Amino acid sequence: MWWYGIGIIAELLLLSFVAKRYTQVVFHVLLRIVRSRTIAITTMTIALFPGTVLHELSHLFTAEVLGVHTGKLTLVPESIEEDNIQSGSVAIARSDPFRRTAIGIAPFVNGVIVLTALSWWFSQTLLGYWLIINMQITLGIILYLILTVTNTMFTSKEDMVGVVPVFLTMTILFITGYIAGIQIILPVSITNTIQSISITLAQNLGIVLGINIIGLIFFSLVLFLIKKPHIR
C-alpha cells in the first residue's frame, strides 16, 4: 500500500510545479494579447475566482472551527510581484504551531478533495454514464473548475509559517518509533478502506495532472507562436 502513497506524493509535487508554470504561461499569453498588465491581471483574477474563494474560505472556516480569531477577508489581488499574483487573503490571529499548520494546509486538503470529486465527475461524464444533453458544456465547466482549483490550492509562503517545524517534528517521532520497533497494526477493514481510497486518489490525481499538462503544453505553444510586443 505504501507505493500508492509514494505515487500520490509524486503526483502532487509534479502538479504543484505544473500549476505554477501554467499560471505564469497563461498570464504571459494574456499580457501579449491585451498589451495591458491591468487587464491581464483582472482577467486572471476573474478566471481563478472560484479557486480563490475555496482557498480563502478554507483558511477562514478552519480557523473559526479551531477557535482562532480571523479578520479582514479579501478575494481580489493585494500584491503583484512579477509573475506572482496574490489573488486574496484572510487575516488570522497568532496561534500554536499545530493549529497554524492545520489552517495553513486547509486549502490544499480541501483542494485535493474537490479535485477528486471533479475528476470522478469528469470520467463519468466522458464515458457517458451521465445522461447530459449538453455534454460538451458540462465537460468544459468541469475542466475549468479543475484548472482553477489546481492553480489556487497550493500553499503560499505565508501559509507555510509553522508547517515545516510541525512536519519535521512528526517525521522525527515517526522515524524514532520505527527504529524502536513500535508498530501500529490496523484492522483489515480499515487497511482495505485506506488502500481503496489511495488507489482512487492516485487515479483521479493522474487525470487532474494530465489535464493540467495538456493545458500547459497548449498555452506554451500559443505563447511560442505569439510575437513578443514591447509592453510598457
C-alpha atoms as a PDB file:
ATOM      1  CA  MET A   1       0.000   0.000   0.000  1.00  0.00           C
ATOM      2  CA  TRP A   2       2.936   2.330   0.644  1.00  0.00           C
ATOM      3  CA  TRP A   3       3.725   2.624  -3.064  1.00  0.00           C
ATOM      4  CA  TYR A   4       0.368   4.300  -3.630  1.00  0.00           C
ATOM      5  CA  GLY A   5       1.385   6.896  -1.071  1.00  0.00           C
ATOM      6  CA  ILE A   6       4.662   7.493  -2.892  1.00  0.00           C
ATOM      7  CA  GLY A   7       2.794   7.799  -6.192  1.00  0.00           C
ATOM      8  CA  ILE A   8       0.335  10.316  -4.716  1.00  0.00           C
ATOM      9  CA  ILE A   9       3.182  12.421  -3.282  1.00  0.00           C
ATOM     10  CA  ALA A  10       4.984  12.358  -6.644  1.00  0.00           C
ATOM     11  CA  GLU A  11       1.795  13.393  -8.457  1.00  0.00           C
ATOM     12  CA  LEU A  12       1.191  16.271  -6.047  1.00  0.00           C
ATOM     13  CA  LEU A  13       4.777  17.537  -6.347  1.00  0.00           C
ATOM     14  CA  LEU A  14       4.599  17.447 -10.138  1.00  0.00           C
ATOM     15  CA  LEU A  15       1.129  19.024 -10.060  1.00  0.00           C
ATOM     16  CA  SER A  16       2.460  21.870  -7.907  1.00  0.00           C
ATOM     17  CA  PHE A  17       5.207  22.609 -10.443  1.00  0.00           C
ATOM     18  CA  VAL A  18       2.886  22.326 -13.450  1.00  0.00           C
ATOM     19  CA  ALA A  19       0.210  24.515 -11.829  1.00  0.00           C
ATOM     20  CA  LYS A  20       2.667  27.308 -11.049  1.00  0.00           C
ATOM     21  CA  ARG A  21       4.111  27.219 -14.556  1.00  0.00           C
ATOM     22  CA  TYR A  22       0.620  27.023 -16.087  1.00  0.00           C
ATOM     23  CA  THR A  23      -0.469  30.221 -14.335  1.00  0.00           C
ATOM     24  CA  GLN A  24       2.665  32.048 -15.468  1.00  0.00           C
ATOM     25  CA  VAL A  25       2.295  30.960 -19.096  1.00  0.00           C
ATOM     26  CA  VAL A  26      -1.406  31.884 -19.284  1.00  0.00           C
ATOM     27  CA  PHE A  27      -0.644  35.279 -17.718  1.00  0.00           C
ATOM     28  CA  HIS A  28       2.053  35.996 -20.308  1.00  0.00           C
ATOM     29  CA  VAL A  29      -0.260  34.920 -23.135  1.00  0.00           C
ATOM     30  CA  LEU A  30      -2.899  37.371 -21.891  1.00  0.00           C
ATOM     31  CA  LEU A  31      -0.302  40.068 -21.413  1.00  0.00           C
ATOM     32  CA  ARG A  32       0.893  39.790 -25.001  1.00  0.00           C
ATOM     33  CA  ILE A  33      -2.634  39.689 -26.400  1.00  0.00           C
ATOM     34  CA  VAL A  34      -4.192  42.591 -24.490  1.00  0.00           C
ATOM     35  CA  ARG A  35      -0.904  44.511 -24.015  1.00  0.00           C
ATOM     36  CA  SER A  36      -2.109  45.751 -20.650  1.00  0.00           C
ATOM     37  CA  ARG A  37      -0.885  44.405 -17.332  1.00  0.00           C
ATOM     38  CA  THR A  38      -4.001  45.676 -15.555  1.00  0.00           C
ATOM     39  CA  ILE A  39      -6.380  43.912 -17.940  1.00  0.00           C
ATOM     40  CA  ALA A  40      -4.314  40.710 -17.828  1.00  0.00           C
ATOM     41  CA  ILE A  41      -4.305  40.688 -14.030  1.00  0.00           C
ATOM     42  CA  THR A  42      -8.044  41.419 -13.891  1.00  0.00           C
ATOM     43  CA  THR A  43      -8.756  38.587 -16.342  1.00  0.00           C
ATOM     44  CA  MET A  44      -6.625  36.144 -14.334  1.00  0.00           C
ATOM     45  CA  THR A  45      -8.339  37.208 -11.112  1.00  0.00           C
ATOM     46  CA  ILE A  46     -11.794  36.592 -12.582  1.00  0.00           C
ATOM     47  CA  ALA A  47     -10.736  33.267 -14.116  1.00  0.00           C
ATOM     48  CA  LEU A  48      -9.281  31.992 -10.828  1.00  0.00           C
ATOM     49  CA  PHE A  49     -12.074  33.388  -8.643  1.00  0.00           C
ATOM     50  CA  PRO A  50     -13.798  30.053  -7.766  1.00  0.00           C
ATOM     51  CA  GLY A  51     -10.472  28.604  -6.666  1.00  0.00           C
ATOM     52  CA  THR A  52      -9.621  31.753  -4.723  1.00  0.00           C
ATOM     53  CA  VAL A  53     -12.918  31.563  -2.853  1.00  0.00           C
ATOM     54  CA  LEU A  54     -12.269  27.898  -1.956  1.00  0.00           C
ATOM     55  CA  HIS A  55      -8.719  28.719  -0.838  1.00  0.00           C
ATOM     56  CA  GLU A  56      -9.525  31.658   1.420  1.00  0.00           C
ATOM     57  CA  LEU A  57     -12.715  30.193   2.875  1.00  0.00           C
ATOM     58  CA  SER A  58     -10.761  27.030   3.734  1.00  0.00           C
ATOM     59  CA  HIS A  59      -8.411  29.174   5.840  1.00  0.00           C
ATOM     60  CA  LEU A  60     -11.317  31.088   7.355  1.00  0.00           C
ATOM     61  CA  PHE A  61     -13.558  28.159   8.291  1.00  0.00           C
ATOM     62  CA  THR A  62     -10.677  26.053   9.635  1.00  0.00           C
ATOM     63  CA  ALA A  63      -9.505  28.933  11.809  1.00  0.00           C
ATOM     64  CA  GLU A  64     -13.008  29.503  13.166  1.00  0.00           C
ATOM     65  CA  VAL A  65     -13.504  25.796  13.911  1.00  0.00           C
ATOM     66  CA  LEU A  66     -10.176  25.691  15.771  1.00  0.00           C
ATOM     67  CA  GLY A  67     -11.024  28.798  17.776  1.00  0.00           C
ATOM     68  CA  VAL A  68      -8.529  31.151  16.105  1.00  0.00           C
ATOM     69  CA  HIS A  69      -9.739  34.704  15.538  1.00  0.00           C
ATOM     70  CA  THR A  70      -9.943  35.912  11.948  1.00  0.00           C
ATOM     71  CA  GLY A  71     -10.096  39.380  10.429  1.00  0.00           C
ATOM     72  CA  LYS A  72     -10.334  41.013   7.032  1.00  0.00           C
ATOM     73  CA  LEU A  73     -11.140  38.736   4.085  1.00  0.00           C
ATOM     74  CA  THR A  74     -10.251  39.835   0.543  1.00  0.00           C
ATOM     75  CA  LEU A  75     -10.820  37.993  -2.724  1.00  0.00           C
ATOM     76  CA  VAL A  76      -9.014  40.436  -5.037  1.00  0.00           C
ATOM     77  CA  PRO A  77      -5.284  40.942  -5.667  1.00  0.00           C
ATOM     78  CA  GLU A  78      -3.467  42.946  -2.997  1.00  0.00           C
ATOM     79  CA  SER A  79       0.102  42.363  -4.115  1.00  0.00           C
ATOM     80  CA  ILE A  80       1.543  41.722  -7.543  1.00  0.00           C
ATOM     81  CA  GLU A  81       5.209  40.829  -7.981  1.00  0.00           C
ATOM     82  CA  GLU A  82       6.351  39.852 -11.458  1.00  0.00           C
ATOM     83  CA  ASP A  83       4.510  36.561 -12.185  1.00  0.00           C
ATOM     84  CA  ASN A  84       3.242  36.103  -8.617  1.00  0.00           C
ATOM     85  CA  ILE A  85      -0.349  37.271  -8.207  1.00  0.00           C
ATOM     86  CA  GLN A  86      -1.777  37.026  -4.695  1.00  0.00           C
ATOM     87  CA  SER A  87      -5.467  36.738  -5.522  1.00  0.00           C
ATOM     88  CA  GLY A  88      -6.801  37.014  -1.973  1.00  0.00           C
ATOM     89  CA  SER A  89      -6.046  36.855   1.729  1.00  0.00           C
ATOM     90  CA  VAL A  90      -7.591  36.476   5.165  1.00  0.00           C
ATOM     91  CA  ALA A  91      -6.233  37.916   8.402  1.00  0.00           C
ATOM     92  CA  ILE A  92      -5.634  35.219  11.027  1.00  0.00           C
ATOM     93  CA  ALA A  93      -4.523  35.761  14.622  1.00  0.00           C
ATOM     94  CA  ARG A  94      -1.418  34.099  16.038  1.00  0.00           C
ATOM     95  CA  SER A  95      -1.862  30.574  17.358  1.00  0.00           C
ATOM     96  CA  ASP A  96       0.127  27.498  18.310  1.00  0.00           C
ATOM     97  CA  PRO A  97       2.098  25.671  15.573  1.00  0.00           C
ATOM     98  CA  PHE A  98      -0.353  22.779  15.281  1.00  0.00           C
ATOM     99  CA  ARG A  99      -3.436  24.932  14.722  1.00  0.00           C
ATOM    100  CA  ARG A 100      -1.435  27.201  12.412  1.00  0.00           C
ATOM    101  CA  THR A 101      -0.392  24.149  10.407  1.00  0.00           C
ATOM    102  CA  ALA A 102      -3.984  22.926  10.112  1.00  0.00           C
ATOM    103  CA  ILE A 103      -5.104  26.375   8.949  1.00  0.00           C
ATOM    104  CA  GLY A 104      -2.219  26.660   6.503  1.00  0.00           C
ATOM    105  CA  ILE A 105      -2.763  23.323   4.755  1.00  0.00           C
ATOM    106  CA  ALA A 106      -6.584  23.524   4.765  1.00  0.00           C
ATOM    107  CA  PRO A 107      -6.836  24.868   1.160  1.00  0.00           C
ATOM    108  CA  PHE A 108      -4.564  22.075  -0.044  1.00  0.00           C
ATOM    109  CA  VAL A 109      -6.576  19.356   1.701  1.00  0.00           C
ATOM    110  CA  ASN A 110      -9.911  20.753   0.529  1.00  0.00           C
ATOM    111  CA  GLY A 111      -8.476  21.264  -2.952  1.00  0.00           C
ATOM    112  CA  VAL A 112      -7.485  17.599  -3.200  1.00  0.00           C
ATOM    113  CA  ILE A 113     -10.964  16.547  -2.064  1.00  0.00           C
ATOM    114  CA  VAL A 114     -12.666  18.824  -4.606  1.00  0.00           C
ATOM    115  CA  LEU A 115     -10.320  17.728  -7.407  1.00  0.00           C
ATOM    116  CA  THR A 116     -11.031  14.075  -6.605  1.00  0.00           C
ATOM    117  CA  ALA A 117     -14.761  14.714  -6.919  1.00  0.00           C
ATOM    118  CA  LEU A 118     -14.347  16.752 -10.120  1.00  0.00           C
ATOM    119  CA  SER A 119     -12.092  14.181 -11.786  1.00  0.00           C
ATOM    120  CA  TRP A 120     -14.571  11.415 -10.925  1.00  0.00           C
ATOM    121  CA  TRP A 121     -17.389  13.538 -12.398  1.00  0.00           C
ATOM    122  CA  PHE A 122     -15.235  14.204 -15.484  1.00  0.00           C
ATOM    123  CA  SER A 123     -14.552  10.483 -16.071  1.00  0.00           C
ATOM    124  CA  GLN A 124     -18.204   9.549 -15.562  1.00  0.00           C
ATOM    125  CA  THR A 125     -19.378  12.277 -17.951  1.00  0.00           C
ATOM    126  CA  LEU A 126     -16.732  11.424 -20.546  1.00  0.00           C
ATOM    127  CA  LEU A 127     -17.734   7.765 -20.524  1.00  0.00           C
ATOM    128  CA  GLY A 128     -21.385   8.714 -20.963  1.00  0.00           C
ATOM    129  CA  TYR A 129     -22.587   7.410 -17.624  1.00  0.00           C
ATOM    130  CA  TRP A 130     -24.482  10.646 -17.065  1.00  0.00           C
ATOM    131  CA  LEU A 131     -27.488  11.490 -19.224  1.00  0.00           C
ATOM    132  CA  ILE A 132     -26.496  15.056 -20.033  1.00  0.00           C
ATOM    133  CA  ILE A 133     -27.846  16.868 -23.088  1.00  0.00           C
ATOM    134  CA  ASN A 134     -25.030  19.409 -23.365  1.00  0.00           C
ATOM    135  CA  MET A 135     -22.118  17.099 -22.594  1.00  0.00           C
ATOM    136  CA  GLN A 136     -19.543  19.422 -24.166  1.00  0.00           C
ATOM    137  CA  ILE A 137     -20.650  22.304 -21.961  1.00  0.00           C
ATOM    138  CA  THR A 138     -20.563  20.083 -18.875  1.00  0.00           C
ATOM    139  CA  LEU A 139     -17.066  18.835 -19.692  1.00  0.00           C
ATOM    140  CA  GLY A 140     -15.951  22.422 -20.304  1.00  0.00           C
ATOM    141  CA  ILE A 141     -17.229  23.529 -16.890  1.00  0.00           C
ATOM    142  CA  ILE A 142     -15.555  20.577 -15.167  1.00  0.00           C
ATOM    143  CA  LEU A 143     -12.238  21.231 -16.922  1.00  0.00           C
ATOM    144  CA  TYR A 144     -12.415  24.910 -15.982  1.00  0.00           C
ATOM    145  CA  LEU A 145     -13.088  24.102 -12.315  1.00  0.00           C
ATOM    146  CA  ILE A 146     -10.273  21.543 -12.249  1.00  0.00           C
ATOM    147  CA  LEU A 147      -7.807  24.079 -13.637  1.00  0.00           C
ATOM    148  CA  THR A 148      -8.861  26.950 -11.365  1.00  0.00           C
ATOM    149  CA  VAL A 149      -8.849  24.785  -8.213  1.00  0.00           C
ATOM    150  CA  THR A 150      -5.486  23.249  -9.118  1.00  0.00           C
ATOM    151  CA  ASN A 151      -3.898  26.644  -9.639  1.00  0.00           C
ATOM    152  CA  THR A 152      -5.102  28.086  -6.319  1.00  0.00           C
ATOM    153  CA  MET A 153      -4.995  25.221  -3.824  1.00  0.00           C
ATOM    154  CA  PHE A 154      -1.274  25.116  -3.080  1.00  0.00           C
ATOM    155  CA  THR A 155       0.051  26.876  -0.003  1.00  0.00           C
ATOM    156  CA  SER A 156       1.863  30.198  -0.159  1.00  0.00           C
ATOM    157  CA  LYS A 157       4.888  31.229   1.910  1.00  0.00           C
ATOM    158  CA  GLU A 158       2.574  32.816   4.469  1.00  0.00           C
ATOM    159  CA  ASP A 159       0.552  29.589   4.727  1.00  0.00           C
ATOM    160  CA  MET A 160       3.714  27.585   5.409  1.00  0.00           C
ATOM    161  CA  VAL A 161       4.572  29.508   8.578  1.00  0.00           C
ATOM    162  CA  GLY A 162       4.783  26.885  11.317  1.00  0.00           C
ATOM    163  CA  VAL A 163       4.092  23.986   8.958  1.00  0.00           C
ATOM    164  CA  VAL A 164       7.703  22.900   8.434  1.00  0.00           C
ATOM    165  CA  PRO A 165       8.601  22.609  12.165  1.00  0.00           C
ATOM    166  CA  VAL A 166       5.455  20.565  12.842  1.00  0.00           C
ATOM    167  CA  PHE A 167       6.096  18.163   9.966  1.00  0.00           C
ATOM    168  CA  LEU A 168       9.768  17.828  10.919  1.00  0.00           C
ATOM    169  CA  THR A 169       8.766  17.016  14.497  1.00  0.00           C
ATOM    170  CA  MET A 170       6.232  14.421  13.331  1.00  0.00           C
ATOM    171  CA  THR A 171       8.770  12.900  10.933  1.00  0.00           C
ATOM    172  CA  ILE A 172      11.386  12.604  13.687  1.00  0.00           C
ATOM    173  CA  LEU A 173       8.845  10.979  16.018  1.00  0.00           C
ATOM    174  CA  PHE A 174       7.782   8.548  13.277  1.00  0.00           C
ATOM    175  CA  ILE A 175      11.371   7.552  12.454  1.00  0.00           C
ATOM    176  CA  THR A 176      12.223   7.191  16.132  1.00  0.00           C
ATOM    177  CA  GLY A 177       9.188   4.979  16.704  1.00  0.00           C
ATOM    178  CA  TYR A 178      10.022   2.876  13.652  1.00  0.00           C
ATOM    179  CA  ILE A 179      13.624   2.345  14.822  1.00  0.00           C
ATOM    180  CA  ALA A 180      12.373   1.477  18.298  1.00  0.00           C
ATOM    181  CA  GLY A 181      10.148  -1.200  16.770  1.00  0.00           C
ATOM    182  CA  ILE A 182       6.845   0.464  17.549  1.00  0.00           C
ATOM    183  CA  GLN A 183       4.209  -0.727  15.096  1.00  0.00           C
ATOM    184  CA  ILE A 184       0.567   0.240  14.720  1.00  0.00           C
ATOM    185  CA  ILE A 185      -1.466  -2.643  13.344  1.00  0.00           C
ATOM    186  CA  LEU A 186      -4.784  -1.567  11.874  1.00  0.00           C
ATOM    187  CA  PRO A 187      -7.794  -3.843  11.365  1.00  0.00           C
ATOM    188  CA  VAL A 188      -8.049  -5.416   7.934  1.00  0.00           C
ATOM    189  CA  SER A 189     -11.241  -3.477   7.149  1.00  0.00           C
ATOM    190  CA  ILE A 190      -9.553  -0.135   7.817  1.00  0.00           C
ATOM    191  CA  THR A 191      -6.463  -1.157   5.845  1.00  0.00           C
ATOM    192  CA  ASN A 192      -8.605  -2.155   2.849  1.00  0.00           C
ATOM    193  CA  THR A 193     -10.516   1.137   3.044  1.00  0.00           C
ATOM    194  CA  ILE A 194      -7.290   3.167   3.125  1.00  0.00           C
ATOM    195  CA  GLN A 195      -5.946   1.184   0.170  1.00  0.00           C
ATOM    196  CA  SER A 196      -9.149   1.731  -1.817  1.00  0.00           C
ATOM    197  CA  ILE A 197      -9.056   5.480  -1.112  1.00  0.00           C
ATOM    198  CA  SER A 198      -5.371   5.634  -2.052  1.00  0.00           C
ATOM    199  CA  ILE A 199      -5.973   3.890  -5.381  1.00  0.00           C
ATOM    200  CA  THR A 200      -8.910   6.163  -6.222  1.00  0.00           C
ATOM    201  CA  LEU A 201      -6.968   9.285  -5.209  1.00  0.00           C
ATOM    202  CA  ALA A 202      -3.935   8.255  -7.271  1.00  0.00           C
ATOM    203  CA  GLN A 203      -6.100   7.628 -10.343  1.00  0.00           C
ATOM    204  CA  ASN A 204      -8.017  10.888 -10.005  1.00  0.00           C
ATOM    205  CA  LEU A 205      -4.880  12.942  -9.411  1.00  0.00           C
ATOM    206  CA  GLY A 206      -3.481  11.329 -12.544  1.00  0.00           C
ATOM    207  CA  ILE A 207      -6.463  12.659 -14.507  1.00  0.00           C
ATOM    208  CA  VAL A 208      -6.027  16.129 -12.979  1.00  0.00           C
ATOM    209  CA  LEU A 209      -2.303  16.109 -13.706  1.00  0.00           C
ATOM    210  CA  GLY A 210      -2.909  15.043 -17.303  1.00  0.00           C
ATOM    211  CA  ILE A 211      -5.431  17.847 -17.853  1.00  0.00           C
ATOM    212  CA  ASN A 212      -3.016  20.439 -16.459  1.00  0.00           C
ATOM    213  CA  ILE A 213      -0.113  19.150 -18.546  1.00  0.00           C
ATOM    214  CA  ILE A 214      -2.227  19.301 -21.719  1.00  0.00           C
ATOM    215  CA  GLY A 215      -3.292  22.849 -20.825  1.00  0.00           C
ATOM    216  CA  LEU A 216       0.306  23.860 -20.142  1.00  0.00           C
ATOM    217  CA  ILE A 217       1.505  22.433 -23.461  1.00  0.00           C
ATOM    218  CA  PHE A 218      -1.308  24.190 -25.351  1.00  0.00           C
ATOM    219  CA  PHE A 219      -0.702  27.633 -23.872  1.00  0.00           C
ATOM    220  CA  SER A 220       3.079  27.187 -24.149  1.00  0.00           C
ATOM    221  CA  LEU A 221       2.620  26.624 -27.893  1.00  0.00           C
ATOM    222  CA  VAL A 222       0.354  29.689 -28.087  1.00  0.00           C
ATOM    223  CA  LEU A 223       2.985  31.708 -26.247  1.00  0.00           C
ATOM    224  CA  PHE A 224       5.662  30.472 -28.627  1.00  0.00           C
ATOM    225  CA  LEU A 225       3.614  31.474 -31.680  1.00  0.00           C
ATOM    226  CA  ILE A 226       2.718  34.931 -30.432  1.00  0.00           C
ATOM    227  CA  LYS A 227       5.131  37.677 -31.264  1.00  0.00           C
ATOM    228  CA  LYS A 228       6.752  39.416 -28.347  1.00  0.00           C
ATOM    229  CA  PRO A 229       5.483  43.010 -28.424  1.00  0.00           C
ATOM    230  CA  HIS A 230       7.109  45.688 -26.316  1.00  0.00           C
ATOM    231  CA  ILE A 231       4.930  46.252 -23.252  1.00  0.00           C
ATOM    232  CA  ARG A 232       5.363  49.344 -21.143  1.00  0.00           C
END
